[in-house]
Amino acid sequence: MAGFILECMDTMIEQMLNAKKIPLIMSEENTAACSWLYSRLEKSFRKQSILRCFDLINRFGIGRQIKNSDIVDFLGTTSAGASQLLQKLCKNGCMRKNDDHSYSFICE
């Protein structure tokens, strides 16, 4: 598992350098959240989807509320694709839907 996380981190750094969307250094809190998220999603998500979730954590952080439109803008996906990702994350216990129709990561 540690090898996969290191590979994911290398891929993220490469993507960050190419896209210049995300700061190069990930905080310790976000790194721990990515590790926890991986342990929850490794059996039910594809590798590319997990990396997209890592990108979301690094961009928006743990405490911030995320709306569907934030994901559409950041990942360049459709509204339906963003909704599907959010629903799958909620189903796997990684996010919760708030009363104002935003979502928040749940990292234990």
Protein backbone atom coordinates (compact mmCIF):
# COMPACT_ATOMS: atom_id res chain seq x y z
CA MET A 1 0.00 0.00 0.00
CA ALA A 2 2.82 2.43 0.82
CA GLY A 3 4.31 1.91 -2.62
CA PHE A 4 1.01 2.78 -4.27
CA ILE A 5 0.68 5.96 -2.19
CA LEU A 6 4.21 7.02 -3.16
CA GLU A 7 3.39 6.34 -6.81
CA CYS A 8 0.21 8.41 -6.46
CA MET A 9 2.14 11.24 -4.85
CA ASP A 10 4.68 11.21 -7.69
CA THR A 11 1.86 11.32 -10.22
CA MET A 12 0.20 14.20 -8.34
CA ILE A 13 3.42 16.19 -8.26
CA GLU A 14 3.90 15.65 -11.99
CA GLN A 15 0.31 16.75 -12.65
CA MET A 16 0.72 19.79 -10.42
CA LEU A 17 3.83 20.89 -12.22
CA ASN A 18 2.11 20.50 -15.58
CA ALA A 19 -1.23 22.07 -14.63
CA LYS A 20 0.06 24.62 -12.10
CA LYS A 21 -3.37 24.47 -10.44
CA ILE A 22 -2.25 23.21 -7.03
CA PRO A 23 0.55 24.28 -4.72
CA LEU A 24 3.57 21.98 -4.98
CA ILE A 25 3.68 21.08 -1.29
CA MET A 26 0.82 19.22 0.35
CA SER A 27 0.21 19.94 4.02
CA GLU A 28 0.69 17.21 6.59
CA GLU A 29 -3.05 17.23 7.29
CA ASN A 30 -3.87 16.75 3.60
CA THR A 31 -1.28 13.99 3.25
CA ALA A 32 -2.83 12.13 6.18
CA ALA A 33 -6.29 12.67 4.69
CA CYS A 34 -5.15 11.25 1.34
CA SER A 35 -3.73 8.19 3.08
CA TRP A 36 -6.98 7.66 4.98
CA LEU A 37 -9.01 8.22 1.81
CA TYR A 38 -6.93 5.68 -0.09
CA SER A 39 -7.58 3.05 2.59
CA ARG A 40 -11.33 3.64 2.16
CA LEU A 41 -11.40 3.70 -1.65
CA GLU A 42 -8.69 1.30 -2.82
CA LYS A 43 -11.13 -1.56 -3.51
CA SER A 44 -14.03 0.40 -4.99
CA PHE A 45 -12.40 3.22 -7.01
CA ARG A 46 -10.09 3.18 -10.01
CA LYS A 47 -6.60 4.58 -9.52
CA GLN A 48 -7.36 7.67 -11.65
CA SER A 49 -10.47 8.43 -9.58
CA ILE A 50 -8.48 8.19 -6.36
CA LEU A 51 -5.93 10.63 -7.77
CA ARG A 52 -8.75 13.06 -8.61
CA CYS A 53 -9.91 12.81 -4.99
CA PHE A 54 -6.36 13.56 -3.83
CA ASP A 55 -6.42 16.62 -6.08
CA LEU A 56 -9.67 17.76 -4.48
CA ILE A 57 -8.27 17.37 -0.97
CA ASN A 58 -5.13 19.25 -1.88
CA ARG A 59 -7.05 22.06 -3.58
CA PHE A 60 -9.96 22.51 -1.18
CA GLY A 61 -8.65 21.02 2.05
CA ILE A 62 -10.53 19.07 4.64
CA GLY A 63 -12.58 21.71 6.41
CA ARG A 64 -13.94 23.59 3.40
CA GLN A 65 -17.37 22.94 1.98
CA ILE A 66 -17.32 21.92 -1.68
CA LYS A 67 -20.12 22.41 -4.17
CA ASN A 68 -20.72 20.47 -7.35
CA SER A 69 -19.74 23.55 -9.36
CA ASP A 70 -16.35 23.70 -7.58
CA ILE A 71 -15.56 20.19 -8.81
CA VAL A 72 -16.78 20.98 -12.32
CA ASP A 73 -14.54 24.04 -12.49
CA PHE A 74 -11.47 22.44 -10.92
CA LEU A 75 -11.50 19.01 -12.56
CA GLY A 76 -13.02 20.14 -15.85
CA THR A 77 -15.70 17.48 -15.68
CA THR A 78 -19.43 17.65 -16.34
CA SER A 79 -21.97 18.40 -13.63
CA ALA A 80 -23.21 14.80 -13.87
CA GLY A 81 -19.65 13.49 -13.45
CA ALA A 82 -19.08 15.69 -10.41
CA SER A 83 -22.39 14.57 -8.88
CA GLN A 84 -21.51 10.93 -9.45
CA LEU A 85 -18.12 11.39 -7.78
CA LEU A 86 -19.69 13.15 -4.78
CA GLN A 87 -22.35 10.44 -4.40
CA LYS A 88 -19.74 7.67 -4.54
CA LEU A 89 -17.61 9.45 -1.94
CA CYS A 90 -20.64 9.81 0.33
CA LYS A 91 -21.58 6.16 -0.17
CA ASN A 92 -18.05 5.11 0.84
CA GLY A 93 -18.12 7.27 3.98
CA CYS A 94 -15.56 9.80 2.76
CA MET A 95 -17.86 12.83 2.43
CA ARG A 96 -21.11 14.05 3.88
CA LYS A 97 -23.80 16.18 2.30
CA ASN A 98 -24.55 19.36 4.23
CA ASP A 99 -27.93 21.08 4.56
CA ASP A 100 -26.95 23.77 2.03
CA HIS A 101 -26.28 21.13 -0.68
CA SER A 102 -22.52 21.43 -0.27
CA TYR A 103 -20.26 18.52 0.67
CA SER A 104 -17.45 18.11 3.18
CA PHE A 105 -14.72 15.50 3.48
CA ILE A 106 -14.94 13.27 6.53
CA CYS A 107 -11.44 12.16 7.48
CA GLU A 108 -10.97 10.23 10.68
